[in-house]
Amino acid sequence: MTYAELEERPAGRYKIGRALALAKINMPITVHIPAYLASFADGERSLKLSSSPATVSEAFDALWLLHPALRDRVLDERGEVRQHINVFVGEESIRFGNGLATPVPEKSEILIVPAVSGG
């Protein structure tokens, strides 16, 4: 059910259910970014998106609207996650899932993490 459809429903006895449904439509997710990218996000390290994206790609689209300079630091020229960047939804790496099409459950956290290497 969309927000518009919920708004058209009569209030009356559905008022509490309607309020809960409206709240559920907009379950923000949090995106955590590494310190070295914070300068491209007005110094923020943790951002709550006001939308409810279905996938990582949709979450990133919302993030780019807020902070467009982050895009080129996270994605390459083909629109794929850069090799030296890892992205997690909760504890799961999107590299081992569906990539940018990985689903984002309600109230999830997306972590953008620089890859670590050593010798």
C-alpha atoms as a PDB file:
ATOM      1  CA  MET A   1       0.000   0.000   0.000  1.00  0.00           C
ATOM      2  CA  THR A   2       1.372   3.403  -0.902  1.00  0.00           C
ATOM      3  CA  TYR A   3       1.406   6.530   1.215  1.00  0.00           C
ATOM      4  CA  ALA A   4      -1.247   8.121  -1.036  1.00  0.00           C
ATOM      5  CA  GLU A   5      -3.545   5.101  -0.630  1.00  0.00           C
ATOM      6  CA  LEU A   6      -3.165   5.261   3.152  1.00  0.00           C
ATOM      7  CA  GLU A   7      -3.946   8.961   3.164  1.00  0.00           C
ATOM      8  CA  GLU A   8      -7.207   8.278   1.277  1.00  0.00           C
ATOM      9  CA  ARG A   9      -8.435   5.734   3.854  1.00  0.00           C
ATOM     10  CA  PRO A  10     -11.043   6.969   6.315  1.00  0.00           C
ATOM     11  CA  ALA A  11      -9.632   7.711   9.754  1.00  0.00           C
ATOM     12  CA  GLY A  12     -12.223   6.405  12.256  1.00  0.00           C
ATOM     13  CA  ARG A  13     -11.469   2.999  13.707  1.00  0.00           C
ATOM     14  CA  TYR A  14      -8.454   2.518  11.405  1.00  0.00           C
ATOM     15  CA  LYS A  15      -6.635   5.458  12.939  1.00  0.00           C
ATOM     16  CA  ILE A  16      -4.096   3.478  14.986  1.00  0.00           C
ATOM     17  CA  GLY A  17      -3.486   0.905  12.252  1.00  0.00           C
ATOM     18  CA  ARG A  18      -3.160   3.673   9.705  1.00  0.00           C
ATOM     19  CA  ALA A  19      -0.636   5.537  11.843  1.00  0.00           C
ATOM     20  CA  LEU A  20       1.424   2.371  12.268  1.00  0.00           C
ATOM     21  CA  ALA A  21       1.267   1.673   8.543  1.00  0.00           C
ATOM     22  CA  LEU A  22       2.338   5.231   7.727  1.00  0.00           C
ATOM     23  CA  ALA A  23       5.255   4.926  10.136  1.00  0.00           C
ATOM     24  CA  LYS A  24       6.283   1.619   8.571  1.00  0.00           C
ATOM     25  CA  ILE A  25       6.449   3.131   5.080  1.00  0.00           C
ATOM     26  CA  ASN A  26       9.301   5.391   6.107  1.00  0.00           C
ATOM     27  CA  MET A  27      11.692   3.242   8.129  1.00  0.00           C
ATOM     28  CA  PRO A  28      14.983   5.059   7.729  1.00  0.00           C
ATOM     29  CA  ILE A  29      18.241   3.258   7.337  1.00  0.00           C
ATOM     30  CA  THR A  30      21.639   4.451   8.499  1.00  0.00           C
ATOM     31  CA  VAL A  31      24.728   4.689   6.303  1.00  0.00           C
ATOM     32  CA  HIS A  32      28.086   4.704   8.073  1.00  0.00           C
ATOM     33  CA  ILE A  33      31.000   6.131   6.145  1.00  0.00           C
ATOM     34  CA  PRO A  34      34.727   5.967   6.943  1.00  0.00           C
ATOM     35  CA  ALA A  35      36.518   8.959   8.466  1.00  0.00           C
ATOM     36  CA  TYR A  36      38.506   9.675   5.317  1.00  0.00           C
ATOM     37  CA  LEU A  37      35.256  10.226   3.373  1.00  0.00           C
ATOM     38  CA  ALA A  38      33.544  12.338   6.044  1.00  0.00           C
ATOM     39  CA  SER A  39      34.808  15.558   4.484  1.00  0.00           C
ATOM     40  CA  PHE A  40      32.679  14.732   1.421  1.00  0.00           C
ATOM     41  CA  ALA A  41      29.604  14.425   3.671  1.00  0.00           C
ATOM     42  CA  ASP A  42      29.870  17.707   5.587  1.00  0.00           C
ATOM     43  CA  GLY A  43      31.947  15.974   8.252  1.00  0.00           C
ATOM     44  CA  GLU A  44      29.272  13.383   9.011  1.00  0.00           C
ATOM     45  CA  ARG A  45      30.282   9.771   9.690  1.00  0.00           C
ATOM     46  CA  SER A  46      26.771   8.424  10.125  1.00  0.00           C
ATOM     47  CA  LEU A  47      23.805   9.487   8.008  1.00  0.00           C
ATOM     48  CA  LYS A  48      20.159   8.535   8.354  1.00  0.00           C
ATOM     49  CA  LEU A  49      18.332   8.367   5.056  1.00  0.00           C
ATOM     50  CA  SER A  50      14.749   9.564   5.286  1.00  0.00           C
ATOM     51  CA  SER A  51      13.666   7.167   2.560  1.00  0.00           C
ATOM     52  CA  SER A  52      13.126   3.414   2.767  1.00  0.00           C
ATOM     53  CA  PRO A  53      15.306   2.052  -0.029  1.00  0.00           C
ATOM     54  CA  ALA A  54      14.697  -1.496  -1.184  1.00  0.00           C
ATOM     55  CA  THR A  55      18.272  -2.084  -2.363  1.00  0.00           C
ATOM     56  CA  VAL A  56      21.787  -0.798  -1.744  1.00  0.00           C
ATOM     57  CA  SER A  57      21.627   0.927  -5.125  1.00  0.00           C
ATOM     58  CA  GLU A  58      18.519   2.873  -4.063  1.00  0.00           C
ATOM     59  CA  ALA A  59      20.144   3.748  -0.738  1.00  0.00           C
ATOM     60  CA  PHE A  60      23.204   5.037  -2.547  1.00  0.00           C
ATOM     61  CA  ASP A  61      21.042   7.077  -4.930  1.00  0.00           C
ATOM     62  CA  ALA A  62      19.509   8.782  -1.884  1.00  0.00           C
ATOM     63  CA  LEU A  63      22.979   9.272  -0.396  1.00  0.00           C
ATOM     64  CA  TRP A  64      24.307  10.839  -3.614  1.00  0.00           C
ATOM     65  CA  LEU A  65      21.434  13.334  -3.566  1.00  0.00           C
ATOM     66  CA  LEU A  66      22.548  14.478  -0.123  1.00  0.00           C
ATOM     67  CA  HIS A  67      26.303  14.303  -0.769  1.00  0.00           C
ATOM     68  CA  PRO A  68      27.112  13.957  -4.493  1.00  0.00           C
ATOM     69  CA  ALA A  69      30.897  14.074  -3.972  1.00  0.00           C
ATOM     70  CA  LEU A  70      30.769  10.689  -2.211  1.00  0.00           C
ATOM     71  CA  ARG A  71      29.666   8.909  -5.395  1.00  0.00           C
ATOM     72  CA  ASP A  72      33.018   9.053  -7.185  1.00  0.00           C
ATOM     73  CA  ARG A  73      34.822   7.887  -4.048  1.00  0.00           C
ATOM     74  CA  VAL A  74      32.606   4.823  -3.597  1.00  0.00           C
ATOM     75  CA  LEU A  75      31.672   3.857  -7.180  1.00  0.00           C
ATOM     76  CA  ASP A  76      33.887   3.608 -10.232  1.00  0.00           C
ATOM     77  CA  GLU A  77      33.141   4.977 -13.718  1.00  0.00           C
ATOM     78  CA  ARG A  78      31.024   1.881 -14.509  1.00  0.00           C
ATOM     79  CA  GLY A  79      28.840   2.446 -11.462  1.00  0.00           C
ATOM     80  CA  GLU A  80      30.293  -0.519  -9.549  1.00  0.00           C
ATOM     81  CA  VAL A  81      31.705  -0.421  -6.024  1.00  0.00           C
ATOM     82  CA  ARG A  82      35.405   0.419  -6.213  1.00  0.00           C
ATOM     83  CA  GLN A  83      37.803  -2.466  -5.535  1.00  0.00           C
ATOM     84  CA  HIS A  84      39.284  -0.832  -2.441  1.00  0.00           C
ATOM     85  CA  ILE A  85      35.827  -0.279  -0.891  1.00  0.00           C
ATOM     86  CA  ASN A  86      33.705  -2.858   0.915  1.00  0.00           C
ATOM     87  CA  VAL A  87      30.001  -2.356   1.518  1.00  0.00           C
ATOM     88  CA  PHE A  88      28.066  -4.261   4.149  1.00  0.00           C
ATOM     89  CA  VAL A  89      24.360  -4.473   4.884  1.00  0.00           C
ATOM     90  CA  GLY A  90      24.450  -5.383   8.533  1.00  0.00           C
ATOM     91  CA  GLU A  91      27.207  -7.986   8.739  1.00  0.00           C
ATOM     92  CA  GLU A  92      26.897  -9.249   5.149  1.00  0.00           C
ATOM     93  CA  SER A  93      29.220  -8.050   2.400  1.00  0.00           C
ATOM     94  CA  ILE A  94      27.364  -7.153  -0.779  1.00  0.00           C
ATOM     95  CA  ARG A  95      30.266  -8.670  -2.777  1.00  0.00           C
ATOM     96  CA  PHE A  96      29.063 -12.116  -1.711  1.00  0.00           C
ATOM     97  CA  GLY A  97      25.407 -11.291  -2.248  1.00  0.00           C
ATOM     98  CA  ASN A  98      23.671  -9.468  -5.053  1.00  0.00           C
ATOM     99  CA  GLY A  99      26.042  -6.520  -5.229  1.00  0.00           C
ATOM    100  CA  LEU A 100      24.237  -3.201  -5.492  1.00  0.00           C
ATOM    101  CA  ALA A 101      20.955  -5.128  -5.873  1.00  0.00           C
ATOM    102  CA  THR A 102      21.340  -6.500  -2.334  1.00  0.00           C
ATOM    103  CA  PRO A 103      18.096  -5.956  -0.408  1.00  0.00           C
ATOM    104  CA  VAL A 104      18.085  -3.500   2.478  1.00  0.00           C
ATOM    105  CA  PRO A 105      15.717  -4.604   5.258  1.00  0.00           C
ATOM    106  CA  GLU A 106      13.934  -1.984   7.357  1.00  0.00           C
ATOM    107  CA  LYS A 107      16.082  -0.206   9.932  1.00  0.00           C
ATOM    108  CA  SER A 108      19.262  -1.668   8.420  1.00  0.00           C
ATOM    109  CA  GLU A 109      22.705  -0.213   8.617  1.00  0.00           C
ATOM    110  CA  ILE A 110      24.908   0.067   5.550  1.00  0.00           C
ATOM    111  CA  LEU A 111      28.610   0.300   6.231  1.00  0.00           C
ATOM    112  CA  ILE A 112      31.066   1.663   3.696  1.00  0.00           C
ATOM    113  CA  VAL A 113      34.485   0.365   4.721  1.00  0.00           C
ATOM    114  CA  PRO A 114      37.894   0.788   3.102  1.00  0.00           C
ATOM    115  CA  ALA A 115      39.518  -2.509   2.173  1.00  0.00           C
ATOM    116  CA  VAL A 116      42.378  -3.550   4.416  1.00  0.00           C
ATOM    117  CA  SER A 117      45.463  -5.207   3.015  1.00  0.00           C
ATOM    118  CA  GLY A 118      48.801  -6.005   4.432  1.00  0.00           C
ATOM    119  CA  GLY A 119      51.739  -8.212   4.153  1.00  0.00           C
END
